[in-house]
Amino acid sequence: MLIFSYAGFFTFLSSTVFLLGYISNNSLFPQALSSKEEKEYIDKFEKGDLEARKVLIERNLRLVAHIAKKYSSPNSNFDDLISIGTIGLIKGINSFNSKKGVKLSTYVSRCIDNEILMHFRATKKLNSEVYLNEPIRKR
């Protein structure tokens, strides 16, 4: 039996609805941070502020959608690309080092690209696998 608190369930539900709103309607994306705001939040995050990390992730979701649109095709689900790109965004923000002199958006966009490309490589490998329970096609 699964036991959960109502507060935990409400938090999960509201974050899921919030994410679906981002995915389904472009107008719900928050505005990107200005350079000054971005620097402030990066400094806070590097000092251990997890709320600043959350803001950096939320304010860069528009970038994820932009990059996912570049890889969108009839064979790929756009919502999946957004989800995979968001994982790349989170990884990028977690590993970002402001002391290297690279803009956050530049660094994170490469992380998002890499995550989506890794997904495509993994699915390509799965498509070439043959299973024993599949029927043999006659030509």
N, C-alpha and C. Protein backbone atom coordinates (compact mmCIF):
# COMPACT_ATOMS: atom_id res chain seq x y z
N MET A 1 0.84 -1.18 0.00
CA MET A 1 0.00 0.00 0.00
C MET A 1 0.88 1.24 0.00
N LEU A 2 0.59 2.17 -0.86
CA LEU A 2 1.35 3.40 -1.01
C LEU A 2 0.74 4.47 -0.11
N ILE A 3 1.57 5.03 0.75
CA ILE A 3 1.11 6.08 1.65
C ILE A 3 1.78 7.38 1.23
N PHE A 4 1.00 8.43 1.10
CA PHE A 4 1.56 9.72 0.72
C PHE A 4 0.84 10.80 1.50
N SER A 5 1.49 11.93 1.63
CA SER A 5 0.85 13.05 2.31
C SER A 5 0.12 13.90 1.27
N TYR A 6 -0.91 14.56 1.71
CA TYR A 6 -1.66 15.42 0.80
C TYR A 6 -0.80 16.57 0.31
N ALA A 7 0.07 17.10 1.17
CA ALA A 7 0.94 18.21 0.76
C ALA A 7 1.91 17.74 -0.31
N GLY A 8 2.49 16.55 -0.14
CA GLY A 8 3.41 16.00 -1.14
C GLY A 8 2.71 15.74 -2.46
N PHE A 9 1.50 15.19 -2.38
CA PHE A 9 0.74 14.92 -3.59
C PHE A 9 0.35 16.21 -4.28
N PHE A 10 -0.05 17.22 -3.53
CA PHE A 10 -0.41 18.51 -4.12
C PHE A 10 0.80 19.15 -4.79
N THR A 11 1.97 19.06 -4.17
CA THR A 11 3.18 19.62 -4.77
C THR A 11 3.50 18.91 -6.07
N PHE A 12 3.41 17.58 -6.07
CA PHE A 12 3.66 16.81 -7.28
C PHE A 12 2.67 17.17 -8.37
N LEU A 13 1.39 17.24 -8.01
CA LEU A 13 0.35 17.55 -8.98
C LEU A 13 0.52 18.95 -9.55
N SER A 14 0.80 19.92 -8.71
CA SER A 14 0.94 21.30 -9.20
C SER A 14 2.18 21.44 -10.08
N SER A 15 3.27 20.75 -9.74
CA SER A 15 4.46 20.84 -10.59
C SER A 15 4.23 20.14 -11.92
N THR A 16 3.46 19.05 -11.92
CA THR A 16 3.14 18.35 -13.16
C THR A 16 2.27 19.22 -14.05
N VAL A 17 1.26 19.84 -13.49
CA VAL A 17 0.38 20.73 -14.26
C VAL A 17 1.18 21.92 -14.77
N PHE A 18 2.09 22.44 -13.96
CA PHE A 18 2.94 23.56 -14.34
C PHE A 18 3.80 23.18 -15.53
N LEU A 19 4.42 21.98 -15.49
CA LEU A 19 5.27 21.51 -16.59
C LEU A 19 4.45 21.27 -17.85
N LEU A 20 3.27 20.67 -17.70
CA LEU A 20 2.41 20.44 -18.87
C LEU A 20 1.97 21.76 -19.49
N GLY A 21 1.75 22.76 -18.66
CA GLY A 21 1.41 24.07 -19.18
C GLY A 21 2.54 24.65 -20.00
N TYR A 22 3.76 24.45 -19.55
CA TYR A 22 4.93 24.89 -20.32
C TYR A 22 4.98 24.21 -21.67
N ILE A 23 4.74 22.90 -21.66
CA ILE A 23 4.87 22.13 -22.88
C ILE A 23 3.77 22.47 -23.87
N SER A 24 2.55 22.61 -23.39
CA SER A 24 1.42 22.75 -24.30
C SER A 24 1.20 24.17 -24.80
N ASN A 25 1.64 25.17 -24.06
CA ASN A 25 1.33 26.54 -24.45
C ASN A 25 2.57 27.41 -24.28
N ASN A 26 3.09 27.89 -25.38
CA ASN A 26 4.32 28.66 -25.38
C ASN A 26 4.19 29.95 -24.58
N SER A 27 2.99 30.50 -24.45
CA SER A 27 2.83 31.76 -23.76
C SER A 27 2.99 31.62 -22.24
N LEU A 28 3.02 30.39 -21.74
CA LEU A 28 3.18 30.20 -20.30
C LEU A 28 4.64 30.18 -19.87
N PHE A 29 5.56 30.23 -20.81
CA PHE A 29 6.97 30.25 -20.44
C PHE A 29 7.28 31.57 -19.75
N PRO A 30 8.00 31.51 -18.64
CA PRO A 30 8.40 32.78 -18.01
C PRO A 30 9.47 33.45 -18.85
N GLN A 31 9.57 34.73 -18.71
CA GLN A 31 10.58 35.48 -19.45
C GLN A 31 11.98 35.04 -19.02
N ALA A 32 12.90 35.08 -19.95
CA ALA A 32 14.28 34.75 -19.65
C ALA A 32 14.85 35.80 -18.70
N LEU A 33 15.84 35.39 -17.95
CA LEU A 33 16.48 36.31 -17.02
C LEU A 33 17.35 37.31 -17.77
N SER A 34 17.43 38.51 -17.23
CA SER A 34 18.38 39.48 -17.79
C SER A 34 19.78 39.03 -17.39
N SER A 35 20.79 39.60 -18.01
CA SER A 35 22.17 39.22 -17.71
C SER A 35 22.50 39.44 -16.23
N LYS A 36 22.02 40.56 -15.71
CA LYS A 36 22.29 40.88 -14.30
C LYS A 36 21.59 39.88 -13.37
N GLU A 37 20.31 39.59 -13.66
CA GLU A 37 19.57 38.62 -12.84
C GLU A 37 20.20 37.24 -12.92
N GLU A 38 20.61 36.84 -14.14
CA GLU A 38 21.22 35.53 -14.33
C GLU A 38 22.50 35.41 -13.49
N LYS A 39 23.31 36.44 -13.51
CA LYS A 39 24.55 36.42 -12.73
C LYS A 39 24.26 36.31 -11.24
N GLU A 40 23.25 37.04 -10.77
CA GLU A 40 22.88 36.98 -9.35
C GLU A 40 22.43 35.57 -8.96
N TYR A 41 21.58 34.96 -9.79
CA TYR A 41 21.09 33.62 -9.47
C TYR A 41 22.19 32.57 -9.58
N ILE A 42 23.10 32.74 -10.52
CA ILE A 42 24.23 31.80 -10.62
C ILE A 42 25.10 31.90 -9.39
N ASP A 43 25.36 33.13 -8.94
CA ASP A 43 26.17 33.32 -7.73
C ASP A 43 25.49 32.68 -6.52
N LYS A 44 24.17 32.89 -6.40
CA LYS A 44 23.43 32.29 -5.28
C LYS A 44 23.50 30.77 -5.34
N PHE A 45 23.31 30.21 -6.56
CA PHE A 45 23.33 28.75 -6.70
C PHE A 45 24.70 28.18 -6.37
N GLU A 46 25.75 28.86 -6.79
CA GLU A 46 27.10 28.37 -6.50
C GLU A 46 27.42 28.42 -5.01
N LYS A 47 26.68 29.25 -4.28
CA LYS A 47 26.83 29.30 -2.82
C LYS A 47 25.92 28.31 -2.11
N GLY A 48 25.13 27.54 -2.89
CA GLY A 48 24.30 26.49 -2.30
C GLY A 48 22.83 26.76 -2.23
N ASP A 49 22.35 27.85 -2.80
CA ASP A 49 20.93 28.19 -2.76
C ASP A 49 20.17 27.37 -3.80
N LEU A 50 19.36 26.41 -3.34
CA LEU A 50 18.61 25.54 -4.26
C LEU A 50 17.42 26.26 -4.90
N GLU A 51 16.93 27.28 -4.26
CA GLU A 51 15.84 28.07 -4.85
C GLU A 51 16.34 28.80 -6.10
N ALA A 52 17.59 29.26 -6.07
CA ALA A 52 18.18 29.93 -7.23
C ALA A 52 18.32 28.93 -8.38
N ARG A 53 18.65 27.69 -8.08
CA ARG A 53 18.75 26.63 -9.09
C ARG A 53 17.39 26.43 -9.77
N LYS A 54 16.35 26.41 -8.96
CA LYS A 54 14.99 26.23 -9.47
C LYS A 54 14.62 27.37 -10.43
N VAL A 55 14.96 28.59 -10.06
CA VAL A 55 14.66 29.75 -10.90
C VAL A 55 15.44 29.65 -12.21
N LEU A 56 16.72 29.25 -12.15
CA LEU A 56 17.53 29.11 -13.36
C LEU A 56 16.92 28.07 -14.30
N ILE A 57 16.43 26.98 -13.73
CA ILE A 57 15.81 25.93 -14.56
C ILE A 57 14.53 26.45 -15.20
N GLU A 58 13.65 27.04 -14.40
CA GLU A 58 12.37 27.51 -14.92
C GLU A 58 12.53 28.59 -15.98
N ARG A 59 13.46 29.50 -15.77
CA ARG A 59 13.62 30.61 -16.69
C ARG A 59 14.34 30.23 -17.97
N ASN A 60 14.90 29.01 -18.04
CA ASN A 60 15.57 28.56 -19.26
C ASN A 60 14.77 27.48 -19.99
N LEU A 61 13.54 27.23 -19.58
CA LEU A 61 12.71 26.23 -20.26
C LEU A 61 12.36 26.66 -21.69
N ARG A 62 12.31 27.95 -21.91
CA ARG A 62 12.05 28.45 -23.27
C ARG A 62 13.17 28.01 -24.22
N LEU A 63 14.40 27.99 -23.72
CA LEU A 63 15.54 27.52 -24.50
C LEU A 63 15.41 26.04 -24.84
N VAL A 64 14.91 25.26 -23.88
CA VAL A 64 14.68 23.83 -24.13
C VAL A 64 13.68 23.65 -25.27
N ALA A 65 12.60 24.39 -25.23
CA ALA A 65 11.57 24.28 -26.27
C ALA A 65 12.13 24.68 -27.63
N HIS A 66 12.95 25.72 -27.65
CA HIS A 66 13.55 26.18 -28.90
C HIS A 66 14.45 25.11 -29.50
N ILE A 67 15.28 24.50 -28.68
CA ILE A 67 16.20 23.47 -29.17
C ILE A 67 15.44 22.20 -29.55
N ALA A 68 14.43 21.82 -28.77
CA ALA A 68 13.64 20.63 -29.09
C ALA A 68 12.92 20.80 -30.42
N LYS A 69 12.50 22.02 -30.72
CA LYS A 69 11.82 22.28 -31.99
C LYS A 69 12.75 22.00 -33.17
N LYS A 70 14.03 22.23 -32.96
CA LYS A 70 15.02 21.99 -34.01
C LYS A 70 15.11 20.50 -34.36
N TYR A 71 14.89 19.62 -33.37
CA TYR A 71 14.97 18.18 -33.58
C TYR A 71 13.62 17.53 -33.83
N SER A 72 12.58 18.31 -33.84
CA SER A 72 11.23 17.77 -34.00
C SER A 72 11.05 17.19 -35.40
N SER A 73 10.42 16.03 -35.45
CA SER A 73 10.13 15.38 -36.72
C SER A 73 8.88 14.52 -36.53
N PRO A 74 8.31 14.03 -37.63
CA PRO A 74 7.13 13.17 -37.49
C PRO A 74 7.42 11.87 -36.72
N ASN A 75 8.68 11.45 -36.69
CA ASN A 75 9.04 10.21 -36.00
C ASN A 75 9.30 10.42 -34.52
N SER A 76 9.39 11.65 -34.06
CA SER A 76 9.69 11.90 -32.65
C SER A 76 8.55 12.67 -31.99
N ASN A 77 8.31 12.37 -30.74
CA ASN A 77 7.27 13.03 -29.97
C ASN A 77 7.85 14.31 -29.37
N PHE A 78 7.25 15.45 -29.67
CA PHE A 78 7.78 16.74 -29.21
C PHE A 78 7.80 16.82 -27.68
N ASP A 79 6.78 16.28 -27.03
CA ASP A 79 6.74 16.29 -25.56
C ASP A 79 7.91 15.50 -24.97
N ASP A 80 8.25 14.38 -25.61
CA ASP A 80 9.40 13.60 -25.15
C ASP A 80 10.69 14.40 -25.31
N LEU A 81 10.81 15.10 -26.42
CA LEU A 81 12.01 15.91 -26.64
C LEU A 81 12.13 17.02 -25.61
N ILE A 82 11.00 17.61 -25.23
CA ILE A 82 11.01 18.64 -24.18
C ILE A 82 11.47 18.03 -22.86
N SER A 83 10.95 16.85 -22.53
CA SER A 83 11.33 16.20 -21.27
C SER A 83 12.81 15.84 -21.26
N ILE A 84 13.29 15.29 -22.36
CA ILE A 84 14.70 14.90 -22.45
C ILE A 84 15.58 16.15 -22.43
N GLY A 85 15.15 17.20 -23.13
CA GLY A 85 15.91 18.45 -23.11
C GLY A 85 15.95 19.08 -21.72
N THR A 86 14.87 18.93 -20.97
CA THR A 86 14.84 19.46 -19.60
C THR A 86 15.84 18.73 -18.72
N ILE A 87 16.00 17.44 -18.93
CA ILE A 87 17.02 16.69 -18.19
C ILE A 87 18.40 17.25 -18.52
N GLY A 88 18.64 17.53 -19.81
CA GLY A 88 19.91 18.13 -20.21
C GLY A 88 20.10 19.50 -19.59
N LEU A 89 19.02 20.28 -19.50
CA LEU A 89 19.09 21.60 -18.86
C LEU A 89 19.49 21.47 -17.40
N ILE A 90 18.87 20.55 -16.69
CA ILE A 90 19.17 20.36 -15.27
C ILE A 90 20.62 19.92 -15.08
N LYS A 91 21.06 18.96 -15.91
CA LYS A 91 22.46 18.52 -15.83
C LYS A 91 23.42 19.67 -16.11
N GLY A 92 23.07 20.48 -17.11
CA GLY A 92 23.92 21.61 -17.47
C GLY A 92 24.01 22.64 -16.36
N ILE A 93 22.90 22.95 -15.75
CA ILE A 93 22.92 23.94 -14.65
C ILE A 93 23.69 23.38 -13.46
N ASN A 94 23.53 22.09 -13.18
CA ASN A 94 24.26 21.50 -12.06
C ASN A 94 25.77 21.50 -12.28
N SER A 95 26.21 21.37 -13.52
CA SER A 95 27.65 21.28 -13.79
C SER A 95 28.26 22.59 -14.28
N PHE A 96 27.47 23.65 -14.36
CA PHE A 96 27.96 24.93 -14.87
C PHE A 96 28.97 25.55 -13.91
N ASN A 97 30.04 26.11 -14.49
CA ASN A 97 31.07 26.79 -13.70
C ASN A 97 31.24 28.19 -14.29
N SER A 98 30.82 29.19 -13.55
CA SER A 98 30.87 30.57 -14.05
C SER A 98 32.29 31.09 -14.18
N LYS A 99 33.24 30.45 -13.54
CA LYS A 99 34.62 30.92 -13.56
C LYS A 99 35.30 30.63 -14.90
N LYS A 100 34.67 29.82 -15.75
CA LYS A 100 35.27 29.49 -17.05
C LYS A 100 34.97 30.53 -18.12
N GLY A 101 34.14 31.50 -17.82
CA GLY A 101 33.89 32.60 -18.74
C GLY A 101 32.93 32.31 -19.88
N VAL A 102 32.10 31.29 -19.72
CA VAL A 102 31.11 30.94 -20.74
C VAL A 102 29.74 31.37 -20.24
N LYS A 103 28.90 31.86 -21.17
CA LYS A 103 27.53 32.22 -20.79
C LYS A 103 26.76 30.96 -20.44
N LEU A 104 25.85 31.07 -19.50
CA LEU A 104 25.04 29.93 -19.09
C LEU A 104 24.23 29.37 -20.25
N SER A 105 23.60 30.23 -21.04
CA SER A 105 22.77 29.74 -22.14
C SER A 105 23.59 28.98 -23.18
N THR A 106 24.81 29.41 -23.44
CA THR A 106 25.67 28.72 -24.39
C THR A 106 26.02 27.33 -23.89
N TYR A 107 26.41 27.26 -22.62
CA TYR A 107 26.81 25.98 -22.03
C TYR A 107 25.62 25.03 -21.95
N VAL A 108 24.50 25.54 -21.48
CA VAL A 108 23.32 24.71 -21.27
C VAL A 108 22.73 24.24 -22.61
N SER A 109 22.80 25.07 -23.64
CA SER A 109 22.25 24.66 -24.93
C SER A 109 23.02 23.45 -25.48
N ARG A 110 24.32 23.39 -25.25
CA ARG A 110 25.10 22.22 -25.68
C ARG A 110 24.70 20.99 -24.86
N CYS A 111 24.42 21.17 -23.59
CA CYS A 111 23.98 20.05 -22.74
C CYS A 111 22.62 19.52 -23.20
N ILE A 112 21.73 20.42 -23.57
CA ILE A 112 20.40 20.03 -24.05
C ILE A 112 20.55 19.28 -25.37
N ASP A 113 21.35 19.84 -26.29
CA ASP A 113 21.63 19.16 -27.56
C ASP A 113 22.17 17.76 -27.33
N ASN A 114 23.15 17.65 -26.46
CA ASN A 114 23.78 16.34 -26.20
C ASN A 114 22.80 15.34 -25.64
N GLU A 115 21.94 15.77 -24.75
CA GLU A 115 20.96 14.86 -24.14
C GLU A 115 19.98 14.35 -25.20
N ILE A 116 19.52 15.22 -26.07
CA ILE A 116 18.60 14.81 -27.12
C ILE A 116 19.29 13.88 -28.11
N LEU A 117 20.52 14.21 -28.48
CA LEU A 117 21.27 13.34 -29.40
C LEU A 117 21.55 11.97 -28.79
N MET A 118 21.84 11.93 -27.48
CA MET A 118 22.03 10.63 -26.82
C MET A 118 20.76 9.81 -26.89
N HIS A 119 19.62 10.46 -26.74
CA HIS A 119 18.33 9.77 -26.84
C HIS A 119 18.15 9.17 -28.24
N PHE A 120 18.46 9.97 -29.26
CA PHE A 120 18.33 9.47 -30.63
C PHE A 120 19.26 8.28 -30.89
N ARG A 121 20.49 8.35 -30.37
CA ARG A 121 21.43 7.24 -30.55
C ARG A 121 20.92 5.99 -29.85
N ALA A 122 20.37 6.15 -28.66
CA ALA A 122 19.86 4.99 -27.91
C ALA A 122 18.66 4.36 -28.62
N THR A 123 17.76 5.18 -29.14
CA THR A 123 16.59 4.62 -29.83
C THR A 123 16.99 4.00 -31.16
N LYS A 124 18.03 4.54 -31.80
CA LYS A 124 18.50 3.96 -33.06
C LYS A 124 19.05 2.55 -32.82
N LYS A 125 19.77 2.38 -31.71
CA LYS A 125 20.28 1.06 -31.36
C LYS A 125 19.14 0.08 -31.10
N LEU A 126 18.10 0.56 -30.43
CA LEU A 126 16.96 -0.31 -30.12
C LEU A 126 16.19 -0.71 -31.38
N ASN A 127 16.15 0.17 -32.36
CA ASN A 127 15.43 -0.13 -33.60
C ASN A 127 16.09 -1.24 -34.40
N SER A 128 17.39 -1.41 -34.25
CA SER A 128 18.09 -2.43 -35.03
C SER A 128 18.11 -3.79 -34.34
N GLU A 129 17.61 -3.87 -33.12
CA GLU A 129 17.60 -5.14 -32.40
C GLU A 129 16.51 -6.06 -32.94
N VAL A 130 16.80 -7.34 -32.93
CA VAL A 130 15.84 -8.35 -33.36
C VAL A 130 15.49 -9.21 -32.15
N TYR A 131 14.21 -9.47 -31.97
CA TYR A 131 13.76 -10.26 -30.84
C TYR A 131 13.33 -11.65 -31.30
N LEU A 132 13.53 -12.63 -30.45
CA LEU A 132 13.19 -14.00 -30.80
C LEU A 132 11.69 -14.24 -30.93
N ASN A 133 10.90 -13.46 -30.23
CA ASN A 133 9.45 -13.67 -30.27
C ASN A 133 8.77 -12.95 -31.44
N GLU A 134 9.51 -12.22 -32.26
CA GLU A 134 8.93 -11.55 -33.41
C GLU A 134 8.76 -12.56 -34.56
N PRO A 135 7.66 -12.48 -35.27
CA PRO A 135 7.48 -13.39 -36.41
C PRO A 135 8.44 -13.03 -37.55
N ILE A 136 8.83 -14.03 -38.30
CA ILE A 136 9.69 -13.80 -39.45
C ILE A 136 8.79 -13.44 -40.63
N ARG A 137 9.13 -12.35 -41.28
CA ARG A 137 8.31 -11.88 -42.40
C ARG A 137 8.73 -12.61 -43.69
N LYS A 138 7.73 -13.02 -44.44
CA LYS A 138 8.00 -13.63 -45.75
C LYS A 138 7.95 -12.52 -46.79
N ARG A 139 8.85 -12.59 -47.73
CA ARG A 139 8.88 -11.56 -48.77
C ARG A 139 8.39 -12.11 -50.05
